[in-house]
C-alpha atoms as a PDB file:
ATOM      1  CA  MET A   1      14.450-128.085 -51.254  1.00  0.00           C
ATOM      2  CA  THR A   2      15.898-129.751 -48.402  1.00  0.00           C
ATOM      3  CA  THR A   3      14.882-133.843 -47.953  1.00  0.00           C
ATOM      4  CA  LEU A   4      12.824-133.033 -45.131  1.00  0.00           C
ATOM      5  CA  LEU A   5      10.661-130.126 -46.940  1.00  0.00           C
ATOM      6  CA  SER A   6      10.566-132.399 -49.729  1.00  0.00           C
ATOM      7  CA  LYS A   7       9.123-135.417 -47.533  1.00  0.00           C
ATOM      8  CA  ALA A   8       6.769-132.927 -46.005  1.00  0.00           C
ATOM      9  CA  MET A   9       5.351-131.675 -49.183  1.00  0.00           C
ATOM     10  CA  LYS A  10       5.055-135.460 -50.248  1.00  0.00           C
ATOM     11  CA  ARG A  11       3.022-136.064 -47.312  1.00  0.00           C
ATOM     12  CA  ILE A  12       0.508-132.880 -47.708  1.00  0.00           C
ATOM     13  CA  GLU A  13       0.045-134.012 -51.337  1.00  0.00           C
ATOM     14  CA  THR A  14      -1.846-136.817 -49.960  1.00  0.00           C
ATOM     15  CA  LEU A  15      -4.502-134.738 -47.643  1.00  0.00           C
ATOM     16  CA  PRO A  16      -7.664-133.465 -48.914  1.00  0.00           C
ATOM     17  CA  GLN A  17      -7.323-130.493 -51.192  1.00  0.00           C
ATOM     18  CA  THR A  18      -8.850-128.130 -48.440  1.00  0.00           C
ATOM     19  CA  LEU A  19      -6.834-129.237 -45.700  1.00  0.00           C
ATOM     20  CA  GLN A  20      -3.817-129.060 -48.420  1.00  0.00           C
ATOM     21  CA  ASP A  21      -5.052-125.191 -48.831  1.00  0.00           C
ATOM     22  CA  GLU A  22      -5.210-124.876 -44.510  1.00  0.00           C
ATOM     23  CA  ILE A  23      -1.747-125.744 -44.553  1.00  0.00           C
ATOM     24  CA  ALA A  24      -0.374-123.726 -47.440  1.00  0.00           C
ATOM     25  CA  GLU A  25      -1.950-120.735 -45.788  1.00  0.00           C
ATOM     26  CA  GLN A  26      -0.174-121.145 -42.728  1.00  0.00           C
ATOM     27  CA  LEU A  27       2.889-121.802 -44.044  1.00  0.00           C
ATOM     28  CA  LEU A  28       2.828-118.767 -46.065  1.00  0.00           C
ATOM     29  CA  GLU A  29       1.683-116.833 -43.043  1.00  0.00           C
ATOM     30  CA  ASP A  30       4.876-118.232 -41.114  1.00  0.00           C
ATOM     31  CA  ILE A  31       7.049-117.730 -44.180  1.00  0.00           C
ATOM     32  CA  ALA A  32       5.866-113.848 -43.802  1.00  0.00           C
ATOM     33  CA  ASN A  33       6.265-113.572 -40.400  1.00  0.00           C
ATOM     34  CA  GLU A  34       9.850-115.283 -40.081  1.00  0.00           C
ATOM     35  CA  LEU A  35      10.726-112.563 -43.017  1.00  0.00           C
ATOM     36  CA  LYS A  36       9.376-109.766 -40.895  1.00  0.00           C
ATOM     37  CA  TRP A  37      11.385-111.187 -37.627  1.00  0.00           C
ATOM     38  CA  GLN A  38      14.703-111.440 -39.439  1.00  0.00           C
ATOM     39  CA  LYS A  39      14.340-107.718 -41.216  1.00  0.00           C
ATOM     40  CA  THR A  40      13.767-106.618 -37.673  1.00  0.00           C
ATOM     41  CA  LEU A  41      16.152-108.254 -35.734  1.00  0.00           C
ATOM     42  CA  ALA A  42      18.807-107.145 -38.396  1.00  0.00           C
ATOM     43  CA  LYS A  43      18.349-103.262 -37.777  1.00  0.00           C
ATOM     44  CA  PRO A  44      20.430-101.516 -34.978  1.00  0.00           C
ATOM     45  CA  GLN A  45      18.976-102.164 -31.444  1.00  0.00           C
ATOM     46  CA  VAL A  46      19.480 -98.633 -29.771  1.00  0.00           C
ATOM     47  CA  LYS A  47      16.038 -98.658 -27.989  1.00  0.00           C
ATOM     48  CA  LEU A  48      16.893-102.207 -26.316  1.00  0.00           C
ATOM     49  CA  GLU A  49      20.387-101.229 -25.848  1.00  0.00           C
ATOM     50  CA  LYS A  50      19.331 -98.001 -24.051  1.00  0.00           C
ATOM     51  CA  LEU A  51      17.015 -99.801 -21.476  1.00  0.00           C
ATOM     52  CA  ALA A  52      19.963-102.782 -20.994  1.00  0.00           C
ATOM     53  CA  GLU A  53      22.103 -99.951 -20.536  1.00  0.00           C
ATOM     54  CA  LYS A  54      19.638 -98.548 -17.916  1.00  0.00           C
ATOM     55  CA  ALA A  55      18.412-102.012 -16.234  1.00  0.00           C
ATOM     56  CA  LEU A  56      22.012-102.616 -15.699  1.00  0.00           C
ATOM     57  CA  ARG A  57      22.744 -98.914 -13.909  1.00  0.00           C
ATOM     58  CA  GLU A  58      19.907 -99.533 -11.736  1.00  0.00           C
ATOM     59  CA  SER A  59      20.901-103.391 -10.487  1.00  0.00           C
ATOM     60  CA  SER A  60      24.300-102.231  -9.760  1.00  0.00           C
ATOM     61  CA  ALA A  61      22.686 -99.184  -8.000  1.00  0.00           C
ATOM     62  CA  GLY A  62      20.442-101.858  -6.017  1.00  0.00           C
ATOM     63  CA  LYS A  63      16.855-100.277  -7.554  1.00  0.00           C
ATOM     64  CA  THR A  64      15.948-103.804  -8.344  1.00  0.00           C
ATOM     65  CA  LYS A  65      14.473-106.530  -6.637  1.00  0.00           C
ATOM     66  CA  LYS A  66      14.836-110.206  -7.890  1.00  0.00           C
ATOM     67  CA  MET A  67      11.718-111.752  -8.539  1.00  0.00           C
ATOM     68  CA  GLY A  68      10.305-114.801 -10.281  1.00  0.00           C
ATOM     69  CA  PHE A  69       7.744-115.005 -13.344  1.00  0.00           C
ATOM     70  CA  ASP A  70       4.783-115.682 -10.928  1.00  0.00           C
ATOM     71  CA  GLU A  71       5.846-112.278  -9.321  1.00  0.00           C
ATOM     72  CA  LEU A  72       5.400-110.235 -12.196  1.00  0.00           C
END
């Protein structure tokens, strides 16, 4: 366990049990989500590569227009 995680755990131990359980549930959910993301990102991204290639072709052909986030 890292020093920072150990420090956090010691701090959590001082909290009321209900709050400890809430934090534990959130941590477990965060860990599950992180593992899911890692698994997803480890897979080949064929669809994403094809979309990126299409976007580059369209941009090179002048079929795109520059926009800001507010214009999407």
